[in-house]
Structures are given as C-alpha cells and as structure tokens.
Amino acid sequence: MHAITALLNLATVIFIVSTMLAAGLGSTLAALGGVLRKGALVALVLVANLVLVPLIGWATAAVFSLATPA
C-alpha cells in the first residue's frame, strides 16, 4: 500500500511539472511582458490567490468541520 501511495505521489509531481513546463514553453516573452504591464490585474490576481483562496479553504473546512491534517 505504501508503494502505491509513493507511486501515485510521484506520478502527480511528474504530471504537474510537465504541465507547467509545457505551458511555460508555449508562451512568448512578448506575451508575458504584455500581461505584466497590467499592474492592476496582476495585483488583483495576487490578492485572489494569496488571500481569497486560503480564506475560502479555511471557511470550507470550518463549515464542514473537517479535521486538522496531521
């Protein structure tokens, strides 16, 4: 059972890394620069990902009375 869990964790990491690598290689520097020039949009995305998403996760755990992970 431990071997299967380790294998699934490894497969997940490989999938995530390969997906991010493919997405990164598929975009150009001009496209990246165009997005980064929109400062307000970048700030909103950072607030959403660094503040709102954790708060939503915390609220969901509180609503469903989920146990604290080990």
C-alpha atoms as a PDB file:
ATOM      1  CA  MET A   1       0.000   0.000   0.000  1.00  0.00           C
ATOM      2  CA  HIS A   2       2.872   2.353   0.823  1.00  0.00           C
ATOM      3  CA  ALA A   3       4.445   1.654  -2.582  1.00  0.00           C
ATOM      4  CA  ILE A   4       1.225   2.539  -4.402  1.00  0.00           C
ATOM      5  CA  THR A   5       0.921   5.809  -2.497  1.00  0.00           C
ATOM      6  CA  ALA A   6       4.518   6.708  -3.290  1.00  0.00           C
ATOM      7  CA  LEU A   7       3.997   5.850  -6.953  1.00  0.00           C
ATOM      8  CA  LEU A   8       0.855   7.976  -7.167  1.00  0.00           C
ATOM      9  CA  ASN A   9       2.625  10.900  -5.476  1.00  0.00           C
ATOM     10  CA  LEU A  10       5.495  10.616  -7.962  1.00  0.00           C
ATOM     11  CA  ALA A  11       3.078  10.471 -10.904  1.00  0.00           C
ATOM     12  CA  THR A  12       1.300  13.575  -9.603  1.00  0.00           C
ATOM     13  CA  VAL A  13       4.552  15.517  -9.315  1.00  0.00           C
ATOM     14  CA  ILE A  14       5.624  14.468 -12.821  1.00  0.00           C
ATOM     15  CA  PHE A  15       2.248  15.493 -14.227  1.00  0.00           C
ATOM     16  CA  ILE A  16       2.333  18.913 -12.561  1.00  0.00           C
ATOM     17  CA  VAL A  17       5.917  19.651 -13.586  1.00  0.00           C
ATOM     18  CA  SER A  18       5.371  18.563 -17.193  1.00  0.00           C
ATOM     19  CA  THR A  19       2.162  20.598 -17.466  1.00  0.00           C
ATOM     20  CA  MET A  20       3.817  23.732 -16.098  1.00  0.00           C
ATOM     21  CA  LEU A  21       6.842  23.223 -18.351  1.00  0.00           C
ATOM     22  CA  ALA A  22       4.621  22.850 -21.418  1.00  0.00           C
ATOM     23  CA  ALA A  23       2.668  25.976 -20.505  1.00  0.00           C
ATOM     24  CA  GLY A  24       5.850  27.952 -19.920  1.00  0.00           C
ATOM     25  CA  LEU A  25       7.443  26.854 -23.187  1.00  0.00           C
ATOM     26  CA  GLY A  26       4.244  27.667 -25.055  1.00  0.00           C
ATOM     27  CA  SER A  27       4.239  31.347 -24.123  1.00  0.00           C
ATOM     28  CA  THR A  28       6.481  34.056 -25.554  1.00  0.00           C
ATOM     29  CA  LEU A  29       8.353  36.792 -23.719  1.00  0.00           C
ATOM     30  CA  ALA A  30       6.228  39.381 -25.508  1.00  0.00           C
ATOM     31  CA  ALA A  31       3.031  37.773 -24.212  1.00  0.00           C
ATOM     32  CA  LEU A  32       4.443  37.574 -20.686  1.00  0.00           C
ATOM     33  CA  GLY A  33       5.554  41.209 -20.816  1.00  0.00           C
ATOM     34  CA  GLY A  34       2.109  42.266 -22.042  1.00  0.00           C
ATOM     35  CA  VAL A  35       0.437  40.622 -19.088  1.00  0.00           C
ATOM     36  CA  LEU A  36       2.910  42.020 -16.545  1.00  0.00           C
ATOM     37  CA  ARG A  37       2.352  45.572 -17.833  1.00  0.00           C
ATOM     38  CA  LYS A  38      -1.210  45.419 -16.472  1.00  0.00           C
ATOM     39  CA  GLY A  39      -0.291  46.201 -12.865  1.00  0.00           C
ATOM     40  CA  ALA A  40      -3.837  46.362 -11.511  1.00  0.00           C
ATOM     41  CA  LEU A  41      -4.678  42.957 -12.971  1.00  0.00           C
ATOM     42  CA  VAL A  42      -1.505  41.411 -11.547  1.00  0.00           C
ATOM     43  CA  ALA A  43      -2.312  42.879  -8.120  1.00  0.00           C
ATOM     44  CA  LEU A  44      -5.866  41.512  -8.218  1.00  0.00           C
ATOM     45  CA  VAL A  45      -4.635  38.058  -9.201  1.00  0.00           C
ATOM     46  CA  LEU A  46      -2.096  38.073  -6.367  1.00  0.00           C
ATOM     47  CA  VAL A  47      -4.734  39.118  -3.834  1.00  0.00           C
ATOM     48  CA  ALA A  48      -7.106  36.451  -5.112  1.00  0.00           C
ATOM     49  CA  ASN A  49      -4.511  33.673  -4.964  1.00  0.00           C
ATOM     50  CA  LEU A  50      -2.698  34.654  -1.786  1.00  0.00           C
ATOM     51  CA  VAL A  51      -5.620  35.925   0.307  1.00  0.00           C
ATOM     52  CA  LEU A  52      -9.007  34.840  -1.027  1.00  0.00           C
ATOM     53  CA  VAL A  53      -8.206  31.215  -1.918  1.00  0.00           C
ATOM     54  CA  PRO A  54      -6.776  30.395   1.547  1.00  0.00           C
ATOM     55  CA  LEU A  55      -9.753  32.120   3.193  1.00  0.00           C
ATOM     56  CA  ILE A  56     -12.171  30.095   1.073  1.00  0.00           C
ATOM     57  CA  GLY A  57     -10.336  26.903   2.046  1.00  0.00           C
ATOM     58  CA  TRP A  58     -10.402  27.851   5.721  1.00  0.00           C
ATOM     59  CA  ALA A  59     -14.115  28.712   5.557  1.00  0.00           C
ATOM     60  CA  THR A  60     -14.909  25.446   3.763  1.00  0.00           C
ATOM     61  CA  ALA A  61     -13.046  23.472   6.431  1.00  0.00           C
ATOM     62  CA  ALA A  62     -14.921  25.345   9.156  1.00  0.00           C
ATOM     63  CA  VAL A  63     -18.332  24.838   7.541  1.00  0.00           C
ATOM     64  CA  PHE A  64     -17.813  21.104   7.050  1.00  0.00           C
ATOM     65  CA  SER A  65     -15.993  20.649  10.395  1.00  0.00           C
ATOM     66  CA  LEU A  66     -13.016  18.987   8.732  1.00  0.00           C
ATOM     67  CA  ALA A  67     -10.314  17.538  10.950  1.00  0.00           C
ATOM     68  CA  THR A  68      -6.917  19.220  11.062  1.00  0.00           C
ATOM     69  CA  PRO A  69      -4.431  17.307   8.881  1.00  0.00           C
ATOM     70  CA  ALA A  70      -1.518  15.602  10.598  1.00  0.00           C
END
